[in-house]
Amino acid sequence: MYLPAPDESLWIGVVRLVVHIPRSLSLKDRRRVVQSLVSRILVRHHAAAAEVGHLDNPGAAVIAATVISNDPRVAKARLDAIRVEAEKGGDHWLAEVTTWLEKKGEHGSS
């Protein structure tokens, strides 16, 4: 049974990052760049992050990160900070960024 607190507010945000790694000549080179970026997102932004696409492409990767907050402004700011973090680094560049922010937990929604 779902019994929300009177002041409950649950916002889930996801940022999808398509990263190009032009100097990567092997999957090992690529893995170093991807692991570094995912690790920085985890440590600096306390967000869940994972590589989700282009798994066998030495020159590209898709990374997704998610945040949860009770305030949509805070969630959006955290997603923006993750995007800025992903823009840092001379060994890769962002080709595409997609962000979703959605309210969850209202009566009748999943």
N, C-alpha and C. Protein backbone atom coordinates (compact mmCIF):
# COMPACT_ATOMS: atom_id res chain seq x y z
N MET A 1 0.84 -1.17 0.00
CA MET A 1 0.00 0.00 0.00
C MET A 1 0.89 1.25 0.00
N TYR A 2 0.56 2.19 -0.86
CA TYR A 2 1.36 3.41 -0.99
C TYR A 2 0.77 4.51 -0.13
N LEU A 3 1.51 4.92 0.89
CA LEU A 3 1.08 6.00 1.78
C LEU A 3 2.11 7.12 1.76
N PRO A 4 1.94 8.10 0.87
CA PRO A 4 2.93 9.17 0.79
C PRO A 4 2.87 10.09 2.01
N ALA A 5 4.02 10.60 2.38
CA ALA A 5 4.07 11.61 3.42
C ALA A 5 3.45 12.90 2.87
N PRO A 6 2.85 13.71 3.73
CA PRO A 6 2.19 14.92 3.22
C PRO A 6 3.12 15.88 2.48
N ASP A 7 4.40 15.86 2.83
CA ASP A 7 5.36 16.76 2.19
C ASP A 7 6.29 16.04 1.22
N GLU A 8 5.91 14.82 0.82
CA GLU A 8 6.78 14.01 -0.04
C GLU A 8 6.85 14.57 -1.46
N SER A 9 8.06 14.65 -1.97
CA SER A 9 8.30 15.08 -3.34
C SER A 9 9.51 14.31 -3.85
N LEU A 10 9.34 13.57 -4.93
CA LEU A 10 10.39 12.70 -5.44
C LEU A 10 10.65 13.04 -6.91
N TRP A 11 11.83 13.57 -7.19
CA TRP A 11 12.23 13.92 -8.55
C TRP A 11 13.41 13.05 -8.95
N ILE A 12 13.30 12.45 -10.13
CA ILE A 12 14.36 11.62 -10.68
C ILE A 12 14.87 12.26 -11.96
N GLY A 13 16.18 12.44 -12.02
CA GLY A 13 16.79 13.04 -13.20
C GLY A 13 17.82 12.10 -13.80
N VAL A 14 17.88 12.09 -15.12
CA VAL A 14 18.85 11.27 -15.85
C VAL A 14 19.53 12.15 -16.90
N VAL A 15 20.82 12.01 -17.01
CA VAL A 15 21.55 12.66 -18.09
C VAL A 15 22.26 11.57 -18.89
N ARG A 16 22.09 11.63 -20.21
CA ARG A 16 22.71 10.67 -21.14
C ARG A 16 23.79 11.43 -21.91
N LEU A 17 25.00 10.94 -21.85
CA LEU A 17 26.16 11.60 -22.46
C LEU A 17 26.73 10.71 -23.55
N VAL A 18 26.77 11.22 -24.77
CA VAL A 18 27.45 10.51 -25.86
C VAL A 18 28.84 11.14 -25.96
N VAL A 19 29.84 10.31 -25.70
CA VAL A 19 31.23 10.78 -25.61
C VAL A 19 32.02 10.23 -26.78
N HIS A 20 32.75 11.12 -27.46
CA HIS A 20 33.67 10.68 -28.51
C HIS A 20 35.08 10.73 -27.96
N ILE A 21 35.84 9.70 -28.29
CA ILE A 21 37.20 9.55 -27.78
C ILE A 21 38.11 9.41 -29.01
N PRO A 22 38.48 10.52 -29.64
CA PRO A 22 39.14 10.46 -30.94
C PRO A 22 40.53 9.82 -30.93
N ARG A 23 41.27 9.91 -29.82
CA ARG A 23 42.63 9.37 -29.79
C ARG A 23 42.70 7.94 -29.30
N SER A 24 41.56 7.35 -29.06
CA SER A 24 41.53 5.97 -28.58
C SER A 24 41.78 5.02 -29.75
N LEU A 25 42.79 4.19 -29.61
CA LEU A 25 43.13 3.23 -30.66
C LEU A 25 42.69 1.81 -30.30
N SER A 26 42.27 1.63 -29.05
CA SER A 26 41.87 0.29 -28.62
C SER A 26 40.78 0.40 -27.57
N LEU A 27 40.17 -0.72 -27.27
CA LEU A 27 39.16 -0.74 -26.20
C LEU A 27 39.80 -0.45 -24.84
N LYS A 28 41.06 -0.79 -24.69
CA LYS A 28 41.78 -0.50 -23.44
C LYS A 28 41.93 1.02 -23.26
N ASP A 29 42.30 1.75 -24.31
CA ASP A 29 42.38 3.21 -24.25
C ASP A 29 41.02 3.80 -23.89
N ARG A 30 40.00 3.29 -24.57
CA ARG A 30 38.64 3.77 -24.37
C ARG A 30 38.19 3.53 -22.93
N ARG A 31 38.45 2.33 -22.42
CA ARG A 31 38.04 1.95 -21.06
C ARG A 31 38.65 2.89 -20.02
N ARG A 32 39.90 3.30 -20.24
CA ARG A 32 40.56 4.22 -19.31
C ARG A 32 39.81 5.54 -19.24
N VAL A 33 39.42 6.09 -20.39
CA VAL A 33 38.70 7.36 -20.45
C VAL A 33 37.31 7.22 -19.81
N VAL A 34 36.60 6.17 -20.17
CA VAL A 34 35.25 5.97 -19.65
C VAL A 34 35.27 5.75 -18.14
N GLN A 35 36.16 4.91 -17.65
CA GLN A 35 36.23 4.65 -16.22
C GLN A 35 36.59 5.90 -15.44
N SER A 36 37.46 6.72 -15.99
CA SER A 36 37.82 7.97 -15.34
C SER A 36 36.61 8.89 -15.22
N LEU A 37 35.86 9.03 -16.30
CA LEU A 37 34.69 9.91 -16.29
C LEU A 37 33.61 9.38 -15.35
N VAL A 38 33.31 8.10 -15.42
CA VAL A 38 32.29 7.51 -14.53
C VAL A 38 32.72 7.67 -13.08
N SER A 39 33.97 7.44 -12.79
CA SER A 39 34.48 7.57 -11.42
C SER A 39 34.34 9.01 -10.91
N ARG A 40 34.68 9.98 -11.75
CA ARG A 40 34.55 11.39 -11.35
C ARG A 40 33.09 11.74 -11.07
N ILE A 41 32.18 11.24 -11.88
CA ILE A 41 30.75 11.50 -11.66
C ILE A 41 30.32 10.91 -10.32
N LEU A 42 30.72 9.67 -10.05
CA LEU A 42 30.35 9.01 -8.81
C LEU A 42 30.89 9.76 -7.59
N VAL A 43 32.17 10.10 -7.62
CA VAL A 43 32.83 10.69 -6.46
C VAL A 43 32.44 12.15 -6.25
N ARG A 44 32.47 12.94 -7.30
CA ARG A 44 32.24 14.38 -7.16
C ARG A 44 30.78 14.78 -7.09
N HIS A 45 29.90 13.96 -7.65
CA HIS A 45 28.49 14.37 -7.74
C HIS A 45 27.54 13.41 -7.04
N HIS A 46 28.07 12.38 -6.40
CA HIS A 46 27.26 11.42 -5.64
C HIS A 46 26.06 10.96 -6.46
N ALA A 47 26.32 10.61 -7.69
CA ALA A 47 25.28 10.15 -8.62
C ALA A 47 25.62 8.75 -9.08
N ALA A 48 24.60 7.99 -9.38
CA ALA A 48 24.83 6.68 -9.98
C ALA A 48 25.17 6.90 -11.45
N ALA A 49 26.16 6.20 -11.95
CA ALA A 49 26.57 6.37 -13.35
C ALA A 49 27.03 5.03 -13.90
N ALA A 50 26.79 4.85 -15.20
CA ALA A 50 27.20 3.60 -15.85
C ALA A 50 27.36 3.83 -17.34
N GLU A 51 28.22 3.02 -17.93
CA GLU A 51 28.36 2.98 -19.38
C GLU A 51 27.21 2.15 -19.92
N VAL A 52 26.47 2.69 -20.90
CA VAL A 52 25.26 2.00 -21.37
C VAL A 52 25.23 1.76 -22.87
N GLY A 53 26.21 2.26 -23.63
CA GLY A 53 26.17 2.07 -25.07
C GLY A 53 27.51 2.22 -25.75
N HIS A 54 27.57 1.80 -27.02
CA HIS A 54 28.80 1.76 -27.83
C HIS A 54 29.88 0.96 -27.11
N LEU A 55 29.49 -0.16 -26.54
CA LEU A 55 30.38 -0.93 -25.68
C LEU A 55 31.60 -1.49 -26.42
N ASP A 56 31.48 -1.75 -27.71
CA ASP A 56 32.60 -2.31 -28.48
C ASP A 56 33.20 -1.33 -29.47
N ASN A 57 32.89 -0.06 -29.32
CA ASN A 57 33.39 0.97 -30.22
C ASN A 57 34.56 1.68 -29.55
N PRO A 58 35.78 1.57 -30.07
CA PRO A 58 36.93 2.20 -29.42
C PRO A 58 36.86 3.72 -29.38
N GLY A 59 36.08 4.33 -30.27
CA GLY A 59 36.07 5.78 -30.36
C GLY A 59 34.87 6.48 -29.77
N ALA A 60 33.98 5.74 -29.11
CA ALA A 60 32.78 6.38 -28.57
C ALA A 60 32.25 5.60 -27.37
N ALA A 61 31.43 6.29 -26.56
CA ALA A 61 30.78 5.63 -25.42
C ALA A 61 29.52 6.41 -25.10
N VAL A 62 28.56 5.71 -24.53
CA VAL A 62 27.36 6.36 -24.00
C VAL A 62 27.36 6.09 -22.50
N ILE A 63 27.29 7.17 -21.73
CA ILE A 63 27.29 7.10 -20.28
C ILE A 63 26.00 7.74 -19.78
N ALA A 64 25.36 7.10 -18.81
CA ALA A 64 24.16 7.66 -18.20
C ALA A 64 24.41 7.84 -16.71
N ALA A 65 23.88 8.92 -16.17
CA ALA A 65 23.98 9.19 -14.73
C ALA A 65 22.61 9.61 -14.24
N THR A 66 22.31 9.29 -12.99
CA THR A 66 21.01 9.63 -12.43
C THR A 66 21.15 10.24 -11.04
N VAL A 67 20.22 11.13 -10.74
CA VAL A 67 20.16 11.77 -9.42
C VAL A 67 18.72 11.72 -8.92
N ILE A 68 18.57 11.78 -7.61
CA ILE A 68 17.25 11.82 -6.98
C ILE A 68 17.25 12.98 -6.00
N SER A 69 16.15 13.73 -5.98
CA SER A 69 16.05 14.87 -5.08
C SER A 69 14.58 15.12 -4.75
N ASN A 70 14.36 15.89 -3.71
CA ASN A 70 13.00 16.32 -3.39
C ASN A 70 12.68 17.68 -4.00
N ASP A 71 13.64 18.26 -4.71
CA ASP A 71 13.48 19.59 -5.31
C ASP A 71 13.94 19.52 -6.77
N PRO A 72 13.07 19.85 -7.72
CA PRO A 72 13.47 19.76 -9.13
C PRO A 72 14.62 20.69 -9.49
N ARG A 73 14.73 21.83 -8.81
CA ARG A 73 15.84 22.75 -9.10
C ARG A 73 17.17 22.15 -8.70
N VAL A 74 17.18 21.45 -7.58
CA VAL A 74 18.41 20.80 -7.11
C VAL A 74 18.78 19.67 -8.07
N ALA A 75 17.81 18.87 -8.47
CA ALA A 75 18.08 17.77 -9.40
C ALA A 75 18.63 18.31 -10.71
N LYS A 76 18.02 19.37 -11.25
CA LYS A 76 18.50 19.96 -12.51
C LYS A 76 19.91 20.52 -12.36
N ALA A 77 20.17 21.18 -11.25
CA ALA A 77 21.52 21.72 -11.01
C ALA A 77 22.55 20.61 -10.94
N ARG A 78 22.21 19.50 -10.33
CA ARG A 78 23.14 18.37 -10.24
C ARG A 78 23.38 17.75 -11.61
N LEU A 79 22.33 17.63 -12.42
CA LEU A 79 22.49 17.10 -13.78
C LEU A 79 23.36 18.04 -14.62
N ASP A 80 23.16 19.34 -14.47
CA ASP A 80 23.98 20.32 -15.18
C ASP A 80 25.44 20.22 -14.75
N ALA A 81 25.67 20.01 -13.45
CA ALA A 81 27.04 19.89 -12.95
C ALA A 81 27.72 18.63 -13.52
N ILE A 82 26.95 17.56 -13.68
CA ILE A 82 27.50 16.34 -14.27
C ILE A 82 27.87 16.59 -15.73
N ARG A 83 27.02 17.32 -16.46
CA ARG A 83 27.33 17.67 -17.86
C ARG A 83 28.61 18.49 -17.92
N VAL A 84 28.75 19.47 -17.04
CA VAL A 84 29.97 20.30 -17.02
C VAL A 84 31.19 19.44 -16.72
N GLU A 85 31.05 18.50 -15.78
CA GLU A 85 32.15 17.58 -15.47
C GLU A 85 32.55 16.77 -16.70
N ALA A 86 31.55 16.32 -17.45
CA ALA A 86 31.83 15.52 -18.65
C ALA A 86 32.48 16.34 -19.75
N GLU A 87 32.28 17.64 -19.73
CA GLU A 87 32.91 18.50 -20.74
C GLU A 87 34.40 18.69 -20.46
N LYS A 88 34.83 18.44 -19.24
CA LYS A 88 36.24 18.58 -18.88
C LYS A 88 37.04 17.40 -19.42
N GLY A 89 38.26 17.64 -19.74
CA GLY A 89 39.13 16.55 -20.18
C GLY A 89 39.51 16.71 -21.63
N GLY A 90 40.80 16.56 -21.90
CA GLY A 90 41.29 16.72 -23.25
C GLY A 90 41.28 15.44 -24.07
N ASP A 91 40.89 14.32 -23.47
CA ASP A 91 40.94 13.05 -24.19
C ASP A 91 39.59 12.62 -24.75
N HIS A 92 38.57 13.45 -24.58
CA HIS A 92 37.24 13.15 -25.11
C HIS A 92 36.47 14.46 -25.32
N TRP A 93 35.37 14.36 -26.04
CA TRP A 93 34.46 15.50 -26.18
C TRP A 93 33.03 14.98 -26.25
N LEU A 94 32.09 15.83 -25.82
CA LEU A 94 30.69 15.44 -25.81
C LEU A 94 30.06 15.69 -27.17
N ALA A 95 29.45 14.68 -27.73
CA ALA A 95 28.77 14.81 -29.01
C ALA A 95 27.29 15.10 -28.80
N GLU A 96 26.75 14.61 -27.68
CA GLU A 96 25.31 14.77 -27.45
C GLU A 96 25.05 14.67 -25.95
N VAL A 97 24.11 15.48 -25.48
CA VAL A 97 23.67 15.43 -24.09
C VAL A 97 22.15 15.46 -24.09
N THR A 98 21.54 14.50 -23.40
CA THR A 98 20.08 14.46 -23.26
C THR A 98 19.76 14.37 -21.77
N THR A 99 18.80 15.18 -21.32
CA THR A 99 18.44 15.20 -19.91
C THR A 99 16.95 14.97 -19.75
N TRP A 100 16.60 14.14 -18.75
CA TRP A 100 15.20 13.92 -18.38
C TRP A 100 15.06 14.25 -16.90
N LEU A 101 13.96 14.88 -16.55
CA LEU A 101 13.64 15.17 -15.16
C LEU A 101 12.16 14.90 -14.97
N GLU A 102 11.83 14.04 -14.03
CA GLU A 102 10.44 13.61 -13.89
C GLU A 102 10.07 13.48 -12.42
N LYS A 103 8.85 13.91 -12.11
CA LYS A 103 8.33 13.74 -10.76
C LYS A 103 7.72 12.35 -10.64
N LYS A 104 8.03 11.67 -9.56
CA LYS A 104 7.52 10.32 -9.30
C LYS A 104 6.84 10.27 -7.94
N GLY A 105 6.06 9.22 -7.77
CA GLY A 105 5.50 8.94 -6.46
C GLY A 105 4.17 9.58 -6.18
N GLU A 106 3.60 10.31 -7.12
CA GLU A 106 2.27 10.87 -6.89
C GLU A 106 1.26 9.75 -6.90
N HIS A 107 0.18 9.93 -6.19
CA HIS A 107 -0.86 8.89 -6.13
C HIS A 107 -1.32 8.56 -7.54
N GLY A 108 -1.27 7.29 -7.87
CA GLY A 108 -1.72 6.83 -9.18
C GLY A 108 -0.62 6.76 -10.23
N SER A 109 0.59 7.25 -9.93
CA SER A 109 1.68 7.15 -10.91
C SER A 109 2.65 6.09 -10.46
N SER A 110 3.48 5.64 -11.40
CA SER A 110 4.44 4.59 -11.05
C SER A 110 5.83 5.15 -10.96
